[in-house]
């Protein structure tokens, strides 16, 4: 009988050693046998569809044995993946999306890390807790812990910038104000890809519900954790983009962000593409292919 892809992968000692870091909140209930054979169990355990999980595992195997790559535990279901190219270079702090229900480690995580490596930047992917583990302030505190640990290795010595997608864009947007107040150096810039900005009427309901939990219908908490209400005069320069007809996160979020940045006099660039796509990562083969180059042209003005 032919061994399936995941049966083979989960026998690999390196992969097995990383499974604890990949589980989604509450996903440890499945044993390796059921994980190997059941797509439903894999989805429950990791929060990732099979094509996402396989791509994440392949990326992790590419980093196997690479000098400068490490994995760090943040909490039972959160961790970070860090890769040091050169400590004399800045660091990209990557926050993938997933509606705070999972973390899209493949196209919004490792794809970005590999792209930053090509640009010569260090990178850290923060896999924050999801579902009931995503209740505020958990993801914020996990990001602070990850960056404190990265700071001790020298990764923040030459500056850093945030790269957030979808719900990860919401988290990055909040961190732009929160990290300096947590005693960390200011981010030099932010890159927000099809971000969730508001938790008000134009929000992505799943992101809001997972992040606010029992307070999801409370206007006070919606206002408190909306990015547009957390932008002040010291906020980092920001570049953001989305599809005009985004079918997942209302493009009004991008307009709210642009308005808030302009009102506070923050250097920014906002652009959009025709279409209704969401979650495209680097956008290869789509009309948004090339967004990274545009965003990095902006980032280079503030990060050297």
C-alpha atoms as a PDB file:
ATOM      1  CA  UNK A   1       0.000   0.000   0.000  1.00  0.00           C
ATOM      2  CA  UNK A   2       1.380   3.400  -0.992  1.00  0.00           C
ATOM      3  CA  UNK A   3       2.310   5.638   1.929  1.00  0.00           C
ATOM      4  CA  UNK A   4       0.419   8.921   1.827  1.00  0.00           C
ATOM      5  CA  UNK A   5       2.251  12.258   1.838  1.00  0.00           C
ATOM      6  CA  UNK A   6       1.398  13.056   5.455  1.00  0.00           C
ATOM      7  CA  UNK A   7       2.106   9.529   6.719  1.00  0.00           C
ATOM      8  CA  UNK A   8       5.576   9.917   5.245  1.00  0.00           C
ATOM      9  CA  UNK A   9       6.040  13.462   6.581  1.00  0.00           C
ATOM     10  CA  UNK A  10       4.954  12.616  10.116  1.00  0.00           C
ATOM     11  CA  UNK A  11       7.501   9.777  10.274  1.00  0.00           C
ATOM     12  CA  UNK A  12      10.280  12.284   9.640  1.00  0.00           C
ATOM     13  CA  UNK A  13      11.963  13.079  12.969  1.00  0.00           C
ATOM     14  CA  UNK A  14      12.564  16.716  12.054  1.00  0.00           C
ATOM     15  CA  UNK A  15       8.908  17.249  11.143  1.00  0.00           C
ATOM     16  CA  UNK A  16       7.701  15.372  14.227  1.00  0.00           C
ATOM     17  CA  UNK A  17       9.876  17.604  16.369  1.00  0.00           C
ATOM     18  CA  UNK A  18       8.132  20.673  14.962  1.00  0.00           C
ATOM     19  CA  UNK A  19       4.526  19.475  15.269  1.00  0.00           C
ATOM     20  CA  UNK A  20       4.143  20.879  18.781  1.00  0.00           C
ATOM     21  CA  UNK A  21       4.868  24.326  17.372  1.00  0.00           C
ATOM     22  CA  UNK A  22       2.358  23.967  14.544  1.00  0.00           C
ATOM     23  CA  UNK A  23      -0.763  22.933  16.445  1.00  0.00           C
ATOM     24  CA  UNK A  24      -3.664  25.363  16.405  1.00  0.00           C
ATOM     25  CA  UNK A  25      -5.325  26.310  19.688  1.00  0.00           C
ATOM     26  CA  UNK A  26      -6.813  23.146  21.174  1.00  0.00           C
ATOM     27  CA  UNK A  27      -5.567  20.951  18.335  1.00  0.00           C
ATOM     28  CA  UNK A  28      -3.460  18.482  20.273  1.00  0.00           C
ATOM     29  CA  UNK A  29      -6.291  16.000  20.745  1.00  0.00           C
ATOM     30  CA  UNK A  30      -5.486  14.101  17.552  1.00  0.00           C
ATOM     31  CA  UNK A  31      -2.895  11.338  17.508  1.00  0.00           C
ATOM     32  CA  UNK A  32      -0.354  10.941  14.731  1.00  0.00           C
ATOM     33  CA  UNK A  33      -2.249   8.078  13.120  1.00  0.00           C
ATOM     34  CA  UNK A  34      -5.429  10.107  12.677  1.00  0.00           C
ATOM     35  CA  UNK A  35      -3.389  13.141  11.596  1.00  0.00           C
ATOM     36  CA  UNK A  36      -1.700  11.066   8.919  1.00  0.00           C
ATOM     37  CA  UNK A  37      -4.953   9.737   7.491  1.00  0.00           C
ATOM     38  CA  UNK A  38      -7.658  12.307   8.100  1.00  0.00           C
ATOM     39  CA  UNK A  39      -7.788  15.732   6.405  1.00  0.00           C
ATOM     40  CA  UNK A  40     -10.470  16.763   8.900  1.00  0.00           C
ATOM     41  CA  UNK A  41      -8.205  15.969  11.855  1.00  0.00           C
ATOM     42  CA  UNK A  42      -5.325  17.874  10.257  1.00  0.00           C
ATOM     43  CA  UNK A  43      -7.534  20.902   9.709  1.00  0.00           C
ATOM     44  CA  UNK A  44      -8.696  20.800  13.314  1.00  0.00           C
ATOM     45  CA  UNK A  45      -5.215  20.254  14.700  1.00  0.00           C
ATOM     46  CA  UNK A  46      -3.327  22.834  12.645  1.00  0.00           C
ATOM     47  CA  UNK A  47      -6.017  25.159  11.352  1.00  0.00           C
ATOM     48  CA  UNK A  48      -4.483  24.713   7.906  1.00  0.00           C
ATOM     49  CA  UNK A  49      -5.920  23.065   4.813  1.00  0.00           C
ATOM     50  CA  UNK A  50      -3.731  20.278   3.472  1.00  0.00           C
ATOM     51  CA  UNK A  51      -2.221  22.395   0.686  1.00  0.00           C
ATOM     52  CA  UNK A  52      -1.248  25.056   3.261  1.00  0.00           C
ATOM     53  CA  UNK A  53       0.135  22.538   5.725  1.00  0.00           C
ATOM     54  CA  UNK A  54       2.181  20.739   3.077  1.00  0.00           C
ATOM     55  CA  UNK A  55       3.640  24.046   1.850  1.00  0.00           C
ATOM     56  CA  UNK A  56       4.514  25.062   5.414  1.00  0.00           C
ATOM     57  CA  UNK A  57       6.231  21.718   6.054  1.00  0.00           C
ATOM     58  CA  UNK A  58       8.193  22.001   2.803  1.00  0.00           C
ATOM     59  CA  UNK A  59       9.336  25.492   3.802  1.00  0.00           C
ATOM     60  CA  UNK A  60      10.412  24.299   7.234  1.00  0.00           C
ATOM     61  CA  UNK A  61      12.413  21.498   5.614  1.00  0.00           C
ATOM     62  CA  UNK A  62      14.151  24.049   3.392  1.00  0.00           C
ATOM     63  CA  UNK A  63      15.299  25.859   6.525  1.00  0.00           C
ATOM     64  CA  UNK A  64      16.419  22.643   8.213  1.00  0.00           C
ATOM     65  CA  UNK A  65      20.037  22.949   9.232  1.00  0.00           C
ATOM     66  CA  UNK A  66      20.354  26.513   7.936  1.00  0.00           C
ATOM     67  CA  UNK A  67      22.608  28.548  10.160  1.00  0.00           C
ATOM     68  CA  UNK A  68      20.603  31.352  11.707  1.00  0.00           C
ATOM     69  CA  UNK A  69      17.224  29.556  11.736  1.00  0.00           C
ATOM     70  CA  UNK A  70      15.524  28.901  15.042  1.00  0.00           C
ATOM     71  CA  UNK A  71      12.090  28.221  16.497  1.00  0.00           C
ATOM     72  CA  UNK A  72      11.018  29.682  19.826  1.00  0.00           C
ATOM     73  CA  UNK A  73       8.082  28.851  22.067  1.00  0.00           C
ATOM     74  CA  UNK A  74       5.803  31.706  23.183  1.00  0.00           C
ATOM     75  CA  UNK A  75       2.930  29.795  24.785  1.00  0.00           C
ATOM     76  CA  UNK A  76       1.359  26.367  24.406  1.00  0.00           C
ATOM     77  CA  UNK A  77      -0.034  27.184  20.955  1.00  0.00           C
ATOM     78  CA  UNK A  78       2.121  30.074  19.807  1.00  0.00           C
ATOM     79  CA  UNK A  79       5.704  30.354  18.653  1.00  0.00           C
ATOM     80  CA  UNK A  80       8.003  32.238  16.326  1.00  0.00           C
ATOM     81  CA  UNK A  81      10.250  31.216  13.459  1.00  0.00           C
ATOM     82  CA  UNK A  82      13.336  33.407  13.109  1.00  0.00           C
ATOM     83  CA  UNK A  83      15.969  33.516  10.412  1.00  0.00           C
ATOM     84  CA  UNK A  84      19.075  35.665  10.688  1.00  0.00           C
ATOM     85  CA  UNK A  85      20.703  36.577   7.387  1.00  0.00           C
ATOM     86  CA  UNK A  86      23.028  39.243   8.797  1.00  0.00           C
ATOM     87  CA  UNK A  87      22.739  40.995  12.157  1.00  0.00           C
ATOM     88  CA  UNK A  88      23.970  44.164  10.478  1.00  0.00           C
ATOM     89  CA  UNK A  89      20.722  44.220   8.492  1.00  0.00           C
ATOM     90  CA  UNK A  90      17.163  45.188   9.556  1.00  0.00           C
ATOM     91  CA  UNK A  91      14.506  42.612  10.391  1.00  0.00           C
ATOM     92  CA  UNK A  92      11.046  42.023   8.914  1.00  0.00           C
ATOM     93  CA  UNK A  93       8.496  40.992  11.542  1.00  0.00           C
ATOM     94  CA  UNK A  94       5.862  38.939   9.725  1.00  0.00           C
ATOM     95  CA  UNK A  95       2.299  38.501  11.020  1.00  0.00           C
ATOM     96  CA  UNK A  96       0.257  36.199   8.730  1.00  0.00           C
ATOM     97  CA  UNK A  97      -3.525  36.353   8.545  1.00  0.00           C
ATOM     98  CA  UNK A  98      -6.285  33.829   9.116  1.00  0.00           C
ATOM     99  CA  UNK A  99      -9.089  35.720  10.840  1.00  0.00           C
ATOM    100  CA  UNK A 100      -7.493  34.944  14.219  1.00  0.00           C
ATOM    101  CA  UNK A 101      -8.810  31.424  13.584  1.00  0.00           C
ATOM    102  CA  UNK A 102      -5.529  30.093  12.165  1.00  0.00           C
ATOM    103  CA  UNK A 103      -2.175  31.478  11.030  1.00  0.00           C
ATOM    104  CA  UNK A 104      -1.501  31.228   7.272  1.00  0.00           C
ATOM    105  CA  UNK A 105       2.101  30.096   7.646  1.00  0.00           C
ATOM    106  CA  UNK A 106       2.510  29.204   3.993  1.00  0.00           C
ATOM    107  CA  UNK A 107       1.830  32.088   1.609  1.00  0.00           C
ATOM    108  CA  UNK A 108       1.724  34.871   4.216  1.00  0.00           C
ATOM    109  CA  UNK A 109       4.478  33.469   6.402  1.00  0.00           C
ATOM    110  CA  UNK A 110       7.315  31.454   4.907  1.00  0.00           C
ATOM    111  CA  UNK A 111       6.798  32.901   1.422  1.00  0.00           C
ATOM    112  CA  UNK A 112       7.412  36.339   2.930  1.00  0.00           C
ATOM    113  CA  UNK A 113      10.380  35.110   4.965  1.00  0.00           C
ATOM    114  CA  UNK A 114      12.025  33.729   1.837  1.00  0.00           C
ATOM    115  CA  UNK A 115      11.294  36.977  -0.008  1.00  0.00           C
ATOM    116  CA  UNK A 116      12.890  38.993   2.810  1.00  0.00           C
ATOM    117  CA  UNK A 117      15.914  36.707   2.662  1.00  0.00           C
ATOM    118  CA  UNK A 118      16.283  37.626  -1.016  1.00  0.00           C
ATOM    119  CA  UNK A 119      16.179  41.293  -0.024  1.00  0.00           C
ATOM    120  CA  UNK A 120      18.909  40.605   2.521  1.00  0.00           C
ATOM    121  CA  UNK A 121      16.684  41.160   5.556  1.00  0.00           C
ATOM    122  CA  UNK A 122      16.414  39.022   8.660  1.00  0.00           C
ATOM    123  CA  UNK A 123      12.883  37.800   9.325  1.00  0.00           C
ATOM    124  CA  UNK A 124      10.723  36.525  12.148  1.00  0.00           C
ATOM    125  CA  UNK A 125       7.276  34.977  11.666  1.00  0.00           C
ATOM    126  CA  UNK A 126       5.039  35.254  14.719  1.00  0.00           C
ATOM    127  CA  UNK A 127       2.540  32.395  14.991  1.00  0.00           C
ATOM    128  CA  UNK A 128       0.166  33.891  17.551  1.00  0.00           C
ATOM    129  CA  UNK A 129      -2.595  31.998  19.360  1.00  0.00           C
ATOM    130  CA  UNK A 130      -5.920  31.658  17.571  1.00  0.00           C
ATOM    131  CA  UNK A 131      -9.600  30.901  18.215  1.00  0.00           C
ATOM    132  CA  UNK A 132     -10.261  31.216  21.971  1.00  0.00           C
ATOM    133  CA  UNK A 133      -6.520  31.772  22.436  1.00  0.00           C
ATOM    134  CA  UNK A 134      -6.721  34.956  20.332  1.00  0.00           C
ATOM    135  CA  UNK A 135      -8.642  36.936  22.935  1.00  0.00           C
ATOM    136  CA  UNK A 136      -7.066  40.294  23.565  1.00  0.00           C
ATOM    137  CA  UNK A 137      -4.432  40.988  24.737  1.00  0.00           C
ATOM    138  CA  UNK A 138      -2.892  37.544  24.028  1.00  0.00           C
ATOM    139  CA  UNK A 139      -1.648  38.120  20.438  1.00  0.00           C
ATOM    140  CA  UNK A 140      -0.196  41.503  21.430  1.00  0.00           C
ATOM    141  CA  UNK A 141       1.643  40.048  24.417  1.00  0.00           C
ATOM    142  CA  UNK A 142       2.916  37.096  22.368  1.00  0.00           C
ATOM    143  CA  UNK A 143       4.333  39.489  19.792  1.00  0.00           C
ATOM    144  CA  UNK A 144       6.053  41.487  22.553  1.00  0.00           C
ATOM    145  CA  UNK A 145       7.565  38.303  23.964  1.00  0.00           C
ATOM    146  CA  UNK A 146       8.791  37.195  20.529  1.00  0.00           C
ATOM    147  CA  UNK A 147      10.413  40.551  19.831  1.00  0.00           C
ATOM    148  CA  UNK A 148      11.996  40.724  23.265  1.00  0.00           C
ATOM    149  CA  UNK A 149      13.618  37.342  22.578  1.00  0.00           C
ATOM    150  CA  UNK A 150      14.692  38.465  19.105  1.00  0.00           C
ATOM    151  CA  UNK A 151      16.109  41.633  20.614  1.00  0.00           C
ATOM    152  CA  UNK A 152      18.372  39.549  22.849  1.00  0.00           C
ATOM    153  CA  UNK A 153      19.860  37.914  19.749  1.00  0.00           C
ATOM    154  CA  UNK A 154      20.558  41.311  18.172  1.00  0.00           C
ATOM    155  CA  UNK A 155      17.845  41.023  15.501  1.00  0.00           C
ATOM    156  CA  UNK A 156      16.368  44.443  16.309  1.00  0.00           C
ATOM    157  CA  UNK A 157      19.697  46.225  16.636  1.00  0.00           C
ATOM    158  CA  UNK A 158      19.524  47.704  13.135  1.00  0.00           C
ATOM    159  CA  UNK A 159      15.818  48.384  13.126  1.00  0.00           C
ATOM    160  CA  UNK A 160      12.759  46.398  12.144  1.00  0.00           C
ATOM    161  CA  UNK A 161       9.521  46.795  10.224  1.00  0.00           C
ATOM    162  CA  UNK A 162       6.173  45.021  10.433  1.00  0.00           C
ATOM    163  CA  UNK A 163       4.549  43.028   7.627  1.00  0.00           C
ATOM    164  CA  UNK A 164       0.955  42.026   8.360  1.00  0.00           C
ATOM    165  CA  UNK A 165      -1.697  40.382   6.191  1.00  0.00           C
ATOM    166  CA  UNK A 166      -5.467  40.397   6.750  1.00  0.00           C
ATOM    167  CA  UNK A 167      -6.051  39.723  10.480  1.00  0.00           C
ATOM    168  CA  UNK A 168      -2.259  39.839  10.820  1.00  0.00           C
ATOM    169  CA  UNK A 169      -2.558  43.344   9.366  1.00  0.00           C
ATOM    170  CA  UNK A 170      -4.910  44.214  12.208  1.00  0.00           C
ATOM    171  CA  UNK A 171      -2.408  42.858  14.719  1.00  0.00           C
ATOM    172  CA  UNK A 172       0.481  44.684  13.022  1.00  0.00           C
ATOM    173  CA  UNK A 173      -1.602  47.864  12.971  1.00  0.00           C
ATOM    174  CA  UNK A 174      -2.205  47.681  16.720  1.00  0.00           C
ATOM    175  CA  UNK A 175       1.442  46.804  17.364  1.00  0.00           C
ATOM    176  CA  UNK A 176       2.562  49.974  15.581  1.00  0.00           C
ATOM    177  CA  UNK A 177       1.320  51.842  18.645  1.00  0.00           C
ATOM    178  CA  UNK A 178       1.611  49.089  21.267  1.00  0.00           C
ATOM    179  CA  UNK A 179       5.230  47.932  20.849  1.00  0.00           C
ATOM    180  CA  UNK A 180       6.861  51.270  21.764  1.00  0.00           C
ATOM    181  CA  UNK A 181       4.617  51.476  24.840  1.00  0.00           C
ATOM    182  CA  UNK A 182       5.778  47.964  25.750  1.00  0.00           C
ATOM    183  CA  UNK A 183       9.379  49.194  25.904  1.00  0.00           C
ATOM    184  CA  UNK A 184      10.494  48.011  22.464  1.00  0.00           C
ATOM    185  CA  UNK A 185      12.077  50.306  19.874  1.00  0.00           C
ATOM    186  CA  UNK A 186       9.726  51.916  17.365  1.00  0.00           C
ATOM    187  CA  UNK A 187       9.105  49.963  14.162  1.00  0.00           C
ATOM    188  CA  UNK A 188      10.718  51.814  11.264  1.00  0.00           C
ATOM    189  CA  UNK A 189       7.741  51.124   8.963  1.00  0.00           C
ATOM    190  CA  UNK A 190       4.679  48.964   8.402  1.00  0.00           C
ATOM    191  CA  UNK A 191       3.504  46.980   5.385  1.00  0.00           C
ATOM    192  CA  UNK A 192      -0.181  46.045   5.614  1.00  0.00           C
ATOM    193  CA  UNK A 193      -1.628  43.646   3.030  1.00  0.00           C
ATOM    194  CA  UNK A 194      -5.427  43.584   2.583  1.00  0.00           C
ATOM    195  CA  UNK A 195      -5.659  44.377   6.311  1.00  0.00           C
ATOM    196  CA  UNK A 196      -8.498  44.200   8.790  1.00  0.00           C
ATOM    197  CA  UNK A 197      -8.410  47.729  10.232  1.00  0.00           C
ATOM    198  CA  UNK A 198     -11.646  48.400  12.032  1.00  0.00           C
ATOM    199  CA  UNK A 199     -13.602  46.215  14.449  1.00  0.00           C
ATOM    200  CA  UNK A 200     -16.648  48.405  13.856  1.00  0.00           C
ATOM    201  CA  UNK A 201     -19.434  47.967  11.266  1.00  0.00           C
ATOM    202  CA  UNK A 202     -17.080  47.412   8.300  1.00  0.00           C
ATOM    203  CA  UNK A 203     -14.972  44.764  10.044  1.00  0.00           C
ATOM    204  CA  UNK A 204     -14.272  41.156   9.164  1.00  0.00           C
ATOM    205  CA  UNK A 205     -16.666  39.480  11.597  1.00  0.00           C
ATOM    206  CA  UNK A 206     -14.551  36.372  12.219  1.00  0.00           C
ATOM    207  CA  UNK A 207     -11.487  38.408  13.150  1.00  0.00           C
ATOM    208  CA  UNK A 208     -13.503  40.607  15.485  1.00  0.00           C
ATOM    209  CA  UNK A 209     -15.271  37.669  17.123  1.00  0.00           C
ATOM    210  CA  UNK A 210     -12.074  35.718  17.765  1.00  0.00           C
ATOM    211  CA  UNK A 211     -10.174  38.763  19.028  1.00  0.00           C
ATOM    212  CA  UNK A 212     -12.900  40.288  21.221  1.00  0.00           C
ATOM    213  CA  UNK A 213     -14.698  37.094  22.285  1.00  0.00           C
ATOM    214  CA  UNK A 214     -17.549  37.902  24.653  1.00  0.00           C
ATOM    215  CA  UNK A 215     -17.008  41.629  24.035  1.00  0.00           C
ATOM    216  CA  UNK A 216     -17.473  41.395  20.265  1.00  0.00           C
ATOM    217  CA  UNK A 217     -20.752  43.359  20.276  1.00  0.00           C
ATOM    218  CA  UNK A 218     -19.496  46.013  22.688  1.00  0.00           C
ATOM    219  CA  UNK A 219     -18.922  49.337  20.851  1.00  0.00           C
ATOM    220  CA  UNK A 220     -16.397  50.428  23.470  1.00  0.00           C
ATOM    221  CA  UNK A 221     -14.126  47.462  22.774  1.00  0.00           C
ATOM    222  CA  UNK A 222     -14.693  47.694  19.033  1.00  0.00           C
ATOM    223  CA  UNK A 223     -13.449  51.310  19.144  1.00  0.00           C
ATOM    224  CA  UNK A 224     -10.576  50.512  21.514  1.00  0.00           C
ATOM    225  CA  UNK A 225      -9.105  47.814  19.253  1.00  0.00           C
ATOM    226  CA  UNK A 226      -9.765  49.425  15.868  1.00  0.00           C
ATOM    227  CA  UNK A 227      -6.457  50.352  14.248  1.00  0.00           C
ATOM    228  CA  UNK A 228      -7.754  53.702  12.980  1.00  0.00           C
ATOM    229  CA  UNK A 229      -8.284  54.765  16.592  1.00  0.00           C
ATOM    230  CA  UNK A 230      -4.740  53.796  17.607  1.00  0.00           C
ATOM    231  CA  UNK A 231      -2.855  55.934  15.111  1.00  0.00           C
ATOM    232  CA  UNK A 232      -1.053  58.861  16.698  1.00  0.00           C
ATOM    233  CA  UNK A 233       1.590  61.382  15.651  1.00  0.00           C
ATOM    234  CA  UNK A 234       4.394  58.891  16.403  1.00  0.00           C
ATOM    235  CA  UNK A 235       2.926  56.068  14.343  1.00  0.00           C
ATOM    236  CA  UNK A 236       5.374  54.432  11.887  1.00  0.00           C
ATOM    237  CA  UNK A 237       5.308  55.227   8.152  1.00  0.00           C
ATOM    238  CA  UNK A 238       2.851  52.824   6.557  1.00  0.00           C
ATOM    239  CA  UNK A 239       2.271  51.328   3.131  1.00  0.00           C
ATOM    240  CA  UNK A 240      -0.935  49.332   2.584  1.00  0.00           C
ATOM    241  CA  UNK A 241      -2.817  47.707  -0.261  1.00  0.00           C
ATOM    242  CA  UNK A 242      -5.851  45.578  -1.063  1.00  0.00           C
ATOM    243  CA  UNK A 243      -8.168  44.574  -3.892  1.00  0.00           C
ATOM    244  CA  UNK A 244     -10.915  47.127  -4.579  1.00  0.00           C
ATOM    245  CA  UNK A 245     -13.690  44.537  -4.378  1.00  0.00           C
ATOM    246  CA  UNK A 246     -12.096  42.324  -1.675  1.00  0.00           C
ATOM    247  CA  UNK A 247     -14.674  39.626  -1.040  1.00  0.00           C
ATOM    248  CA  UNK A 248     -13.488  38.879   2.504  1.00  0.00           C
ATOM    249  CA  UNK A 249     -12.399  42.146   4.147  1.00  0.00           C
ATOM    250  CA  UNK A 250     -14.371  45.191   3.020  1.00  0.00           C
ATOM    251  CA  UNK A 251     -12.059  47.591   1.175  1.00  0.00           C
ATOM    252  CA  UNK A 252     -13.550  50.340   3.345  1.00  0.00           C
ATOM    253  CA  UNK A 253     -10.934  49.183   5.854  1.00  0.00           C
ATOM    254  CA  UNK A 254      -8.202  50.527   3.579  1.00  0.00           C
ATOM    255  CA  UNK A 255     -10.009  53.877   3.296  1.00  0.00           C
ATOM    256  CA  UNK A 256     -10.367  54.146   7.077  1.00  0.00           C
ATOM    257  CA  UNK A 257      -6.646  53.504   7.452  1.00  0.00           C
ATOM    258  CA  UNK A 258      -5.713  56.052   4.792  1.00  0.00           C
ATOM    259  CA  UNK A 259      -7.931  58.706   6.388  1.00  0.00           C
ATOM    260  CA  UNK A 260      -6.488  58.138   9.871  1.00  0.00           C
ATOM    261  CA  UNK A 261      -2.882  58.229   8.616  1.00  0.00           C
ATOM    262  CA  UNK A 262      -3.519  61.447   6.673  1.00  0.00           C
ATOM    263  CA  UNK A 263      -5.218  63.120   9.641  1.00  0.00           C
ATOM    264  CA  UNK A 264      -2.218  62.389  11.888  1.00  0.00           C
ATOM    265  CA  UNK A 265       0.295  63.455   9.247  1.00  0.00           C
ATOM    266  CA  UNK A 266       1.898  60.001   8.978  1.00  0.00           C
ATOM    267  CA  UNK A 267       3.937  59.300   5.852  1.00  0.00           C
ATOM    268  CA  UNK A 268       2.004  56.693   3.938  1.00  0.00           C
ATOM    269  CA  UNK A 269       1.216  55.131   0.594  1.00  0.00           C
ATOM    270  CA  UNK A 270      -2.006  53.254  -0.139  1.00  0.00           C
ATOM    271  CA  UNK A 271      -2.810  51.469  -3.402  1.00  0.00           C
ATOM    272  CA  UNK A 272      -5.318  48.936  -4.670  1.00  0.00           C
ATOM    273  CA  UNK A 273      -5.950  46.502  -7.505  1.00  0.00           C
ATOM    274  CA  UNK A 274      -9.033  45.624  -9.536  1.00  0.00           C
ATOM    275  CA  UNK A 275     -10.724  42.408  -8.465  1.00  0.00           C
ATOM    276  CA  UNK A 276     -12.232  40.714  -5.440  1.00  0.00           C
ATOM    277  CA  UNK A 277      -9.355  38.510  -4.272  1.00  0.00           C
ATOM    278  CA  UNK A 278      -8.050  38.146  -0.723  1.00  0.00           C
ATOM    279  CA  UNK A 279      -5.260  36.178   0.919  1.00  0.00           C
ATOM    280  CA  UNK A 280      -3.082  36.075  -2.196  1.00  0.00           C
ATOM    281  CA  UNK A 281       0.256  36.438  -0.392  1.00  0.00           C
ATOM    282  CA  UNK A 282       2.910  37.529  -2.882  1.00  0.00           C
ATOM    283  CA  UNK A 283       0.236  37.513  -5.572  1.00  0.00           C
ATOM    284  CA  UNK A 284       2.178  35.493  -8.127  1.00  0.00           C
ATOM    285  CA  UNK A 285       0.202  35.150 -11.339  1.00  0.00           C
ATOM    286  CA  UNK A 286      -2.380  37.751 -10.268  1.00  0.00           C
ATOM    287  CA  UNK A 287      -2.867  41.439 -11.073  1.00  0.00           C
ATOM    288  CA  UNK A 288      -1.278  42.248  -7.702  1.00  0.00           C
ATOM    289  CA  UNK A 289       2.017  40.571  -8.566  1.00  0.00           C
ATOM    290  CA  UNK A 290       4.645  43.206  -7.929  1.00  0.00           C
ATOM    291  CA  UNK A 291       3.017  44.712  -4.837  1.00  0.00           C
ATOM    292  CA  UNK A 292       6.029  43.655  -2.770  1.00  0.00           C
ATOM    293  CA  UNK A 293       8.438  45.642  -4.925  1.00  0.00           C
ATOM    294  CA  UNK A 294       6.233  48.744  -4.590  1.00  0.00           C
ATOM    295  CA  UNK A 295       5.977  48.262  -0.837  1.00  0.00           C
ATOM    296  CA  UNK A 296       9.698  47.715  -0.418  1.00  0.00           C
ATOM    297  CA  UNK A 297      10.451  50.884  -2.396  1.00  0.00           C
ATOM    298  CA  UNK A 298       8.466  52.675   0.315  1.00  0.00           C
ATOM    299  CA  UNK A 299      10.116  50.754   3.171  1.00  0.00           C
ATOM    300  CA  UNK A 300      13.618  51.538   1.860  1.00  0.00           C
ATOM    301  CA  UNK A 301      12.961  55.220   2.556  1.00  0.00           C
ATOM    302  CA  UNK A 302      12.912  54.466   6.284  1.00  0.00           C
ATOM    303  CA  UNK A 303      14.790  51.188   6.709  1.00  0.00           C
ATOM    304  CA  UNK A 304      18.430  50.905   5.623  1.00  0.00           C
END
